[in-house]
């Protein structure tokens, strides 16, 4: 009985640690959303969509993100405009991972491919915390999709 109780306590402590970690920064068991910009164009990311409006210099949640797939996973989406903090990501750079969870991205000045469709510039695409998104050049447009997966881009 002591072994069972000890095992149960250790399990509960581990689960509590994982749950508090997930809620603190959006990562799940240390895995965080990431974006790799291997395209020729600058894109934008956000690590806190739907944050409370806050214009302080430390949080800077004073932008808006129009996220086409806010609450559903279908290709058409269920859009929502939310408060967010927008971060720039230059070509050749990566953001996210290592304790920083990136939740969505967009190209503000050009259309881009994601989830098998052309997306309107400035409209954000949200993705799963366990995902790394890679954006590459394709037919004169950025083409984005999950690392190691199919991008679904057409010229």
N, C-alpha and C. Protein backbone atom coordinates (compact mmCIF):
# COMPACT_ATOMS: atom_id res chain seq x y z
N UNK A 1 0.82 -1.20 0.00
CA UNK A 1 0.00 0.00 0.00
C UNK A 1 0.86 1.26 0.00
N UNK A 2 2.00 1.21 0.73
CA UNK A 2 2.89 2.37 0.77
C UNK A 2 3.42 2.69 -0.62
N UNK A 3 3.77 1.66 -1.38
CA UNK A 3 4.30 1.87 -2.73
C UNK A 3 3.24 2.52 -3.61
N UNK A 4 2.01 2.04 -3.53
CA UNK A 4 0.93 2.63 -4.32
C UNK A 4 0.71 4.09 -3.95
N UNK A 5 0.68 4.38 -2.66
CA UNK A 5 0.46 5.76 -2.19
C UNK A 5 1.60 6.66 -2.64
N UNK A 6 2.82 6.19 -2.50
CA UNK A 6 3.98 6.97 -2.93
C UNK A 6 3.93 7.23 -4.44
N UNK A 7 3.59 6.21 -5.21
CA UNK A 7 3.49 6.36 -6.66
C UNK A 7 2.38 7.34 -7.03
N UNK A 8 1.25 7.24 -6.34
CA UNK A 8 0.14 8.15 -6.60
C UNK A 8 0.52 9.60 -6.29
N UNK A 9 1.20 9.82 -5.18
CA UNK A 9 1.62 11.17 -4.81
C UNK A 9 2.59 11.73 -5.84
N UNK A 10 3.57 10.92 -6.26
CA UNK A 10 4.52 11.37 -7.27
C UNK A 10 3.82 11.70 -8.59
N UNK A 11 2.87 10.87 -8.96
CA UNK A 11 2.10 11.11 -10.19
C UNK A 11 1.33 12.43 -10.09
N UNK A 12 0.67 12.66 -8.98
CA UNK A 12 -0.10 13.90 -8.81
C UNK A 12 0.80 15.13 -8.80
N UNK A 13 1.96 15.04 -8.18
CA UNK A 13 2.91 16.16 -8.18
C UNK A 13 3.39 16.43 -9.61
N UNK A 14 3.70 15.37 -10.35
CA UNK A 14 4.15 15.54 -11.74
C UNK A 14 3.06 16.17 -12.60
N UNK A 15 1.83 15.71 -12.46
CA UNK A 15 0.72 16.25 -13.25
C UNK A 15 0.46 17.71 -12.90
N UNK A 16 0.53 18.04 -11.62
CA UNK A 16 0.33 19.43 -11.19
C UNK A 16 1.41 20.32 -11.78
N UNK A 17 2.63 19.83 -11.79
CA UNK A 17 3.74 20.59 -12.37
C UNK A 17 3.52 20.82 -13.85
N UNK A 18 3.10 19.78 -14.58
CA UNK A 18 2.84 19.92 -16.01
C UNK A 18 1.70 20.88 -16.28
N UNK A 19 0.64 20.79 -15.50
CA UNK A 19 -0.52 21.64 -15.71
C UNK A 19 -0.18 23.10 -15.42
N UNK A 20 0.56 23.36 -14.36
CA UNK A 20 0.90 24.74 -14.04
C UNK A 20 1.85 25.29 -15.08
N UNK A 21 2.75 24.46 -15.61
CA UNK A 21 3.65 24.90 -16.67
C UNK A 21 2.87 25.25 -17.93
N UNK A 22 1.87 24.44 -18.26
CA UNK A 22 1.09 24.69 -19.47
C UNK A 22 0.30 25.99 -19.36
N UNK A 23 -0.23 26.29 -18.20
CA UNK A 23 -1.02 27.50 -18.07
C UNK A 23 -0.15 28.74 -17.92
N UNK A 24 1.09 28.57 -17.46
CA UNK A 24 1.95 29.73 -17.24
C UNK A 24 2.41 30.34 -18.54
N UNK A 25 2.77 29.53 -19.53
CA UNK A 25 3.33 30.11 -20.74
C UNK A 25 2.73 29.56 -22.03
N UNK A 26 1.75 28.70 -21.96
CA UNK A 26 1.10 28.16 -23.15
C UNK A 26 1.76 26.91 -23.69
N UNK A 27 2.91 26.52 -23.18
CA UNK A 27 3.59 25.32 -23.63
C UNK A 27 2.96 24.09 -22.97
N UNK A 28 3.11 22.94 -23.61
CA UNK A 28 2.60 21.69 -23.06
C UNK A 28 3.78 20.77 -22.82
N UNK A 29 4.03 20.45 -21.56
CA UNK A 29 5.14 19.57 -21.18
C UNK A 29 6.45 20.02 -21.81
N UNK A 30 6.67 21.32 -21.85
CA UNK A 30 7.92 21.86 -22.39
C UNK A 30 7.95 22.03 -23.89
N UNK A 31 6.91 21.61 -24.60
CA UNK A 31 6.86 21.78 -26.05
C UNK A 31 6.05 23.03 -26.35
N UNK A 32 6.64 23.92 -27.15
CA UNK A 32 6.01 25.22 -27.43
C UNK A 32 5.85 25.42 -28.93
N UNK A 33 4.81 26.16 -29.32
CA UNK A 33 4.63 26.52 -30.71
C UNK A 33 5.80 27.35 -31.21
N UNK A 34 6.17 27.13 -32.48
CA UNK A 34 7.35 27.78 -33.05
C UNK A 34 7.08 28.13 -34.51
N UNK A 35 7.69 29.22 -35.00
CA UNK A 35 7.61 29.59 -36.42
C UNK A 35 9.02 29.77 -36.96
N UNK A 36 9.30 29.11 -38.09
CA UNK A 36 10.58 29.26 -38.80
C UNK A 36 10.29 30.01 -40.09
N UNK A 37 10.84 31.20 -40.23
CA UNK A 37 10.61 32.00 -41.44
C UNK A 37 11.74 31.75 -42.44
N UNK A 38 11.53 30.79 -43.33
CA UNK A 38 12.50 30.49 -44.38
C UNK A 38 12.05 31.11 -45.70
N UNK A 39 11.11 32.05 -45.63
CA UNK A 39 10.65 32.76 -46.83
C UNK A 39 11.50 34.01 -47.04
N UNK A 40 11.23 34.72 -48.12
CA UNK A 40 11.97 35.95 -48.44
C UNK A 40 11.34 37.19 -47.82
N UNK A 41 10.24 37.03 -47.08
CA UNK A 41 9.49 38.17 -46.59
C UNK A 41 9.34 38.15 -45.07
N UNK A 42 9.26 39.34 -44.50
CA UNK A 42 9.03 39.46 -43.06
C UNK A 42 7.60 39.03 -42.74
N UNK A 43 7.44 38.34 -41.64
CA UNK A 43 6.09 37.99 -41.18
C UNK A 43 5.91 38.49 -39.76
N UNK A 44 4.72 38.32 -39.23
CA UNK A 44 4.42 38.70 -37.85
C UNK A 44 3.91 37.49 -37.09
N UNK A 45 4.26 37.44 -35.81
CA UNK A 45 3.78 36.38 -34.94
C UNK A 45 3.16 37.00 -33.70
N UNK A 46 2.41 36.20 -32.96
CA UNK A 46 1.91 36.63 -31.65
C UNK A 46 2.05 35.48 -30.67
N UNK A 47 2.39 35.84 -29.45
CA UNK A 47 2.53 34.83 -28.40
C UNK A 47 1.46 34.97 -27.33
N UNK A 48 0.52 35.89 -27.54
CA UNK A 48 -0.54 36.04 -26.53
C UNK A 48 -1.84 36.57 -27.14
N UNK A 49 -2.44 35.81 -28.07
CA UNK A 49 -3.71 36.29 -28.62
C UNK A 49 -4.81 36.29 -27.56
N UNK A 50 -5.69 37.24 -27.68
CA UNK A 50 -6.83 37.40 -26.77
C UNK A 50 -6.39 37.83 -25.37
N UNK A 51 -5.27 38.54 -25.30
CA UNK A 51 -4.79 39.05 -24.02
C UNK A 51 -5.62 40.27 -23.60
N UNK A 52 -5.56 40.59 -22.34
CA UNK A 52 -6.24 41.79 -21.86
C UNK A 52 -5.49 43.01 -22.40
N UNK A 53 -6.22 44.05 -22.79
CA UNK A 53 -5.56 45.23 -23.33
C UNK A 53 -4.66 45.82 -22.27
N UNK A 54 -3.43 46.10 -22.65
CA UNK A 54 -2.45 46.64 -21.72
C UNK A 54 -1.40 47.39 -22.53
N UNK A 55 -1.33 48.68 -22.36
CA UNK A 55 -0.39 49.48 -23.15
C UNK A 55 0.92 49.74 -22.42
N UNK A 56 1.20 48.99 -21.37
CA UNK A 56 2.47 49.18 -20.68
C UNK A 56 3.61 48.68 -21.55
N UNK A 57 4.79 49.19 -21.33
CA UNK A 57 5.93 48.80 -22.16
C UNK A 57 6.34 47.35 -21.93
N UNK A 58 6.02 46.78 -20.78
CA UNK A 58 6.43 45.40 -20.52
C UNK A 58 5.53 44.39 -21.22
N UNK A 59 4.25 44.65 -21.35
CA UNK A 59 3.32 43.68 -21.94
C UNK A 59 2.96 44.04 -23.38
N UNK A 60 2.68 45.29 -23.62
CA UNK A 60 2.37 45.82 -24.95
C UNK A 60 1.34 44.99 -25.70
N UNK A 61 0.15 44.91 -25.14
CA UNK A 61 -0.94 44.17 -25.78
C UNK A 61 -1.93 45.16 -26.36
N UNK A 62 -1.48 45.97 -27.31
CA UNK A 62 -2.33 47.03 -27.83
C UNK A 62 -2.58 46.91 -29.33
N UNK A 63 -2.38 45.73 -29.91
CA UNK A 63 -2.68 45.49 -31.31
C UNK A 63 -3.94 44.63 -31.43
N UNK A 64 -4.38 44.44 -32.66
CA UNK A 64 -5.51 43.55 -32.96
C UNK A 64 -5.03 42.47 -33.92
N UNK A 65 -5.53 41.27 -33.75
CA UNK A 65 -5.26 40.16 -34.66
C UNK A 65 -6.60 39.59 -35.13
N UNK A 66 -6.82 39.60 -36.44
CA UNK A 66 -8.01 39.00 -37.04
C UNK A 66 -7.66 37.55 -37.37
N UNK A 67 -8.03 36.63 -36.50
CA UNK A 67 -7.64 35.22 -36.64
C UNK A 67 -8.78 34.44 -37.30
N UNK A 68 -8.55 33.94 -38.51
CA UNK A 68 -9.60 33.28 -39.29
C UNK A 68 -10.03 31.95 -38.67
N UNK A 69 -9.14 31.25 -37.99
CA UNK A 69 -9.46 29.92 -37.44
C UNK A 69 -9.38 29.94 -35.92
N UNK A 70 -9.99 30.93 -35.32
CA UNK A 70 -9.87 31.12 -33.88
C UNK A 70 -10.32 29.90 -33.06
N UNK A 71 -11.52 29.41 -33.29
CA UNK A 71 -12.07 28.40 -32.37
C UNK A 71 -12.42 27.09 -33.04
N UNK A 72 -11.96 26.87 -34.23
CA UNK A 72 -12.25 25.59 -34.88
C UNK A 72 -11.09 25.22 -35.79
N UNK A 73 -11.04 23.98 -36.20
CA UNK A 73 -9.89 23.50 -36.96
C UNK A 73 -10.20 23.30 -38.44
N UNK A 74 -11.39 23.62 -38.88
CA UNK A 74 -11.75 23.44 -40.28
C UNK A 74 -11.01 24.39 -41.19
N UNK A 75 -10.98 24.11 -42.47
CA UNK A 75 -10.26 24.94 -43.43
C UNK A 75 -10.91 26.31 -43.61
N UNK A 76 -12.21 26.43 -43.35
CA UNK A 76 -12.87 27.72 -43.51
C UNK A 76 -12.76 28.57 -42.26
N UNK A 77 -12.78 27.97 -41.10
CA UNK A 77 -12.53 28.68 -39.85
C UNK A 77 -13.73 29.37 -39.25
N UNK A 78 -13.54 29.80 -38.04
CA UNK A 78 -14.53 30.54 -37.27
C UNK A 78 -13.82 31.77 -36.73
N UNK A 79 -13.74 32.81 -37.50
CA UNK A 79 -12.88 33.95 -37.21
C UNK A 79 -13.27 34.76 -35.99
N UNK A 80 -12.27 35.48 -35.47
CA UNK A 80 -12.47 36.36 -34.34
C UNK A 80 -11.35 37.40 -34.34
N UNK A 81 -11.70 38.65 -34.05
CA UNK A 81 -10.70 39.70 -33.88
C UNK A 81 -10.42 39.81 -32.39
N UNK A 82 -9.15 39.68 -32.01
CA UNK A 82 -8.76 39.68 -30.60
C UNK A 82 -7.63 40.68 -30.36
N UNK A 83 -7.49 41.11 -29.11
CA UNK A 83 -6.32 41.88 -28.74
C UNK A 83 -5.11 40.96 -28.81
N UNK A 84 -3.95 41.52 -29.19
CA UNK A 84 -2.75 40.70 -29.28
C UNK A 84 -1.51 41.58 -29.23
N UNK A 85 -0.39 40.94 -29.05
CA UNK A 85 0.91 41.59 -29.15
C UNK A 85 1.55 41.07 -30.43
N UNK A 86 1.87 41.96 -31.38
CA UNK A 86 2.46 41.54 -32.65
C UNK A 86 3.98 41.67 -32.60
N UNK A 87 4.64 40.62 -33.07
CA UNK A 87 6.10 40.58 -33.09
C UNK A 87 6.56 40.34 -34.52
N UNK A 88 7.60 41.05 -34.96
CA UNK A 88 8.13 40.89 -36.32
C UNK A 88 9.13 39.73 -36.36
N UNK A 89 9.11 38.99 -37.47
CA UNK A 89 10.06 37.90 -37.68
C UNK A 89 10.64 38.03 -39.08
N UNK A 90 11.90 38.40 -39.15
CA UNK A 90 12.59 38.61 -40.43
C UNK A 90 12.91 37.29 -41.11
N UNK A 91 13.13 37.32 -42.43
CA UNK A 91 13.51 36.11 -43.16
C UNK A 91 14.78 35.49 -42.56
N UNK A 92 14.78 34.17 -42.47
CA UNK A 92 15.93 33.45 -41.95
C UNK A 92 15.96 33.28 -40.45
N UNK A 93 14.94 33.78 -39.76
CA UNK A 93 14.91 33.68 -38.30
C UNK A 93 13.79 32.76 -37.82
N UNK A 94 13.93 32.31 -36.57
CA UNK A 94 12.96 31.43 -35.91
C UNK A 94 12.57 32.05 -34.58
N UNK A 95 11.31 31.89 -34.20
CA UNK A 95 10.87 32.32 -32.87
C UNK A 95 10.00 31.24 -32.26
N UNK A 96 10.03 31.16 -30.94
CA UNK A 96 9.26 30.16 -30.22
C UNK A 96 10.14 29.02 -29.75
N UNK A 97 9.51 28.07 -29.05
CA UNK A 97 10.26 26.97 -28.47
C UNK A 97 11.01 27.44 -27.23
N UNK A 98 11.65 26.53 -26.55
CA UNK A 98 12.46 26.85 -25.37
C UNK A 98 11.72 27.73 -24.37
N UNK A 99 10.47 27.39 -24.06
CA UNK A 99 9.71 28.14 -23.06
C UNK A 99 8.89 29.29 -23.60
N UNK A 100 8.99 29.59 -24.88
CA UNK A 100 8.20 30.67 -25.49
C UNK A 100 7.24 30.05 -26.50
N UNK A 101 5.95 30.24 -26.29
CA UNK A 101 4.92 29.64 -27.13
C UNK A 101 4.39 30.66 -28.13
N UNK A 102 4.56 30.40 -29.41
CA UNK A 102 3.98 31.23 -30.47
C UNK A 102 2.66 30.59 -30.86
N UNK A 103 1.62 31.41 -31.00
CA UNK A 103 0.27 30.89 -31.22
C UNK A 103 -0.30 31.14 -32.61
N UNK A 104 0.17 32.19 -33.30
CA UNK A 104 -0.41 32.54 -34.60
C UNK A 104 0.60 33.37 -35.39
N UNK A 105 0.36 33.47 -36.71
CA UNK A 105 1.24 34.25 -37.57
C UNK A 105 0.44 34.83 -38.74
N UNK A 106 1.03 35.82 -39.41
CA UNK A 106 0.47 36.39 -40.63
C UNK A 106 1.57 37.06 -41.43
N UNK A 107 1.29 37.35 -42.68
CA UNK A 107 2.09 38.26 -43.49
C UNK A 107 1.23 39.50 -43.64
N UNK A 108 1.69 40.62 -43.13
CA UNK A 108 0.89 41.85 -43.12
C UNK A 108 0.79 42.49 -44.49
N UNK A 109 1.76 42.24 -45.37
CA UNK A 109 1.81 42.97 -46.64
C UNK A 109 1.62 42.10 -47.87
N UNK A 110 1.28 40.83 -47.70
CA UNK A 110 1.09 39.96 -48.87
C UNK A 110 0.24 38.74 -48.51
N UNK A 111 -0.42 38.20 -49.52
CA UNK A 111 -1.17 36.96 -49.33
C UNK A 111 -0.18 35.82 -49.12
N UNK A 112 -0.65 34.75 -48.47
CA UNK A 112 0.21 33.60 -48.20
C UNK A 112 -0.63 32.33 -48.18
N UNK A 113 0.03 31.20 -48.45
CA UNK A 113 -0.62 29.90 -48.38
C UNK A 113 -0.50 29.32 -46.98
N UNK A 114 -1.62 28.78 -46.47
CA UNK A 114 -1.61 28.02 -45.22
C UNK A 114 -2.83 27.11 -45.21
N UNK A 115 -2.67 25.90 -44.75
CA UNK A 115 -3.75 24.91 -44.65
C UNK A 115 -4.42 24.69 -46.00
N UNK A 116 -3.61 24.67 -47.06
CA UNK A 116 -4.11 24.36 -48.39
C UNK A 116 -4.84 25.47 -49.11
N UNK A 117 -4.86 26.68 -48.54
CA UNK A 117 -5.57 27.79 -49.18
C UNK A 117 -4.74 29.06 -49.12
N UNK A 118 -5.02 29.94 -50.07
CA UNK A 118 -4.42 31.26 -50.05
C UNK A 118 -5.12 32.08 -48.97
N UNK A 119 -4.36 32.69 -48.09
CA UNK A 119 -4.89 33.51 -47.00
C UNK A 119 -4.66 34.98 -47.31
N UNK A 120 -5.59 35.81 -46.89
CA UNK A 120 -5.53 37.25 -47.13
C UNK A 120 -4.45 37.87 -46.26
N UNK A 121 -3.70 38.80 -46.83
CA UNK A 121 -2.66 39.48 -46.04
C UNK A 121 -3.28 40.14 -44.82
N UNK A 122 -2.58 40.07 -43.72
CA UNK A 122 -3.05 40.66 -42.48
C UNK A 122 -4.03 39.81 -41.70
N UNK A 123 -4.51 38.72 -42.28
CA UNK A 123 -5.40 37.80 -41.56
C UNK A 123 -4.52 36.71 -40.94
N UNK A 124 -4.72 36.49 -39.66
CA UNK A 124 -3.85 35.61 -38.88
C UNK A 124 -4.30 34.16 -38.94
N UNK A 125 -3.31 33.25 -38.88
CA UNK A 125 -3.55 31.81 -38.81
C UNK A 125 -3.05 31.30 -37.47
N UNK A 126 -3.96 30.70 -36.70
CA UNK A 126 -3.62 30.13 -35.39
C UNK A 126 -3.24 28.67 -35.58
N UNK A 127 -2.32 28.17 -34.74
CA UNK A 127 -1.92 26.78 -34.86
C UNK A 127 -1.71 26.17 -33.47
N UNK A 128 -1.65 24.85 -33.44
CA UNK A 128 -1.54 24.08 -32.21
C UNK A 128 -0.20 24.32 -31.51
N UNK A 129 -0.22 24.34 -30.19
CA UNK A 129 0.97 24.55 -29.38
C UNK A 129 2.07 23.53 -29.69
N UNK A 130 1.72 22.33 -30.06
CA UNK A 130 2.71 21.29 -30.31
C UNK A 130 3.31 21.36 -31.71
N UNK A 131 3.01 22.42 -32.47
CA UNK A 131 3.38 22.52 -33.88
C UNK A 131 4.50 23.52 -34.11
N UNK A 132 5.39 23.16 -35.05
CA UNK A 132 6.37 24.11 -35.59
C UNK A 132 5.92 24.41 -37.01
N UNK A 133 5.67 25.69 -37.29
CA UNK A 133 5.27 26.13 -38.63
C UNK A 133 6.52 26.57 -39.38
N UNK A 134 6.65 26.13 -40.64
CA UNK A 134 7.75 26.54 -41.50
C UNK A 134 7.16 27.28 -42.69
N UNK A 135 7.69 28.46 -42.98
CA UNK A 135 7.25 29.24 -44.14
C UNK A 135 8.39 29.33 -45.14
N UNK A 136 8.09 28.98 -46.40
CA UNK A 136 9.08 28.98 -47.48
C UNK A 136 8.51 29.73 -48.68
N UNK A 137 9.36 30.02 -49.66
CA UNK A 137 8.92 30.65 -50.90
C UNK A 137 8.30 29.59 -51.81
N UNK A 138 7.21 29.97 -52.48
CA UNK A 138 6.58 29.05 -53.43
C UNK A 138 5.80 29.86 -54.46
N UNK A 139 6.27 29.88 -55.69
CA UNK A 139 5.56 30.57 -56.76
C UNK A 139 5.35 32.06 -56.50
N UNK A 140 6.29 32.71 -55.84
CA UNK A 140 6.18 34.14 -55.57
C UNK A 140 5.38 34.49 -54.33
N UNK A 141 4.98 33.48 -53.57
CA UNK A 141 4.22 33.70 -52.33
C UNK A 141 4.87 32.93 -51.19
N UNK A 142 4.64 33.38 -49.95
CA UNK A 142 5.02 32.55 -48.82
C UNK A 142 4.08 31.35 -48.73
N UNK A 143 4.63 30.21 -48.41
CA UNK A 143 3.86 28.98 -48.26
C UNK A 143 4.21 28.39 -46.90
N UNK A 144 3.22 28.25 -46.03
CA UNK A 144 3.46 27.85 -44.65
C UNK A 144 2.72 26.57 -44.30
N UNK A 145 3.34 25.76 -43.47
CA UNK A 145 2.71 24.53 -43.01
C UNK A 145 3.51 23.90 -41.89
N UNK A 146 2.99 22.83 -41.32
CA UNK A 146 3.69 22.17 -40.21
C UNK A 146 4.99 21.53 -40.67
N UNK A 147 6.02 21.66 -39.85
CA UNK A 147 7.32 21.08 -40.18
C UNK A 147 7.18 19.58 -40.38
N UNK A 148 7.75 19.09 -41.48
CA UNK A 148 7.69 17.67 -41.79
C UNK A 148 6.39 17.23 -42.41
N UNK A 149 5.44 18.14 -42.58
CA UNK A 149 4.14 17.79 -43.15
C UNK A 149 3.98 18.31 -44.57
N UNK A 150 2.80 18.14 -45.11
CA UNK A 150 2.48 18.65 -46.44
C UNK A 150 1.99 20.08 -46.32
N UNK A 151 2.45 20.92 -47.19
CA UNK A 151 2.10 22.33 -47.12
C UNK A 151 0.82 22.66 -47.87
N UNK A 152 0.48 21.90 -48.90
CA UNK A 152 -0.76 22.14 -49.63
C UNK A 152 -0.76 23.42 -50.43
N UNK A 153 0.41 23.81 -50.96
CA UNK A 153 0.51 25.06 -51.72
C UNK A 153 0.37 24.79 -53.21
N UNK A 154 -0.29 25.70 -53.88
CA UNK A 154 -0.39 25.64 -55.33
C UNK A 154 0.06 26.97 -55.89
N UNK A 155 0.67 26.98 -57.08
CA UNK A 155 1.17 28.25 -57.64
C UNK A 155 0.06 29.20 -58.01
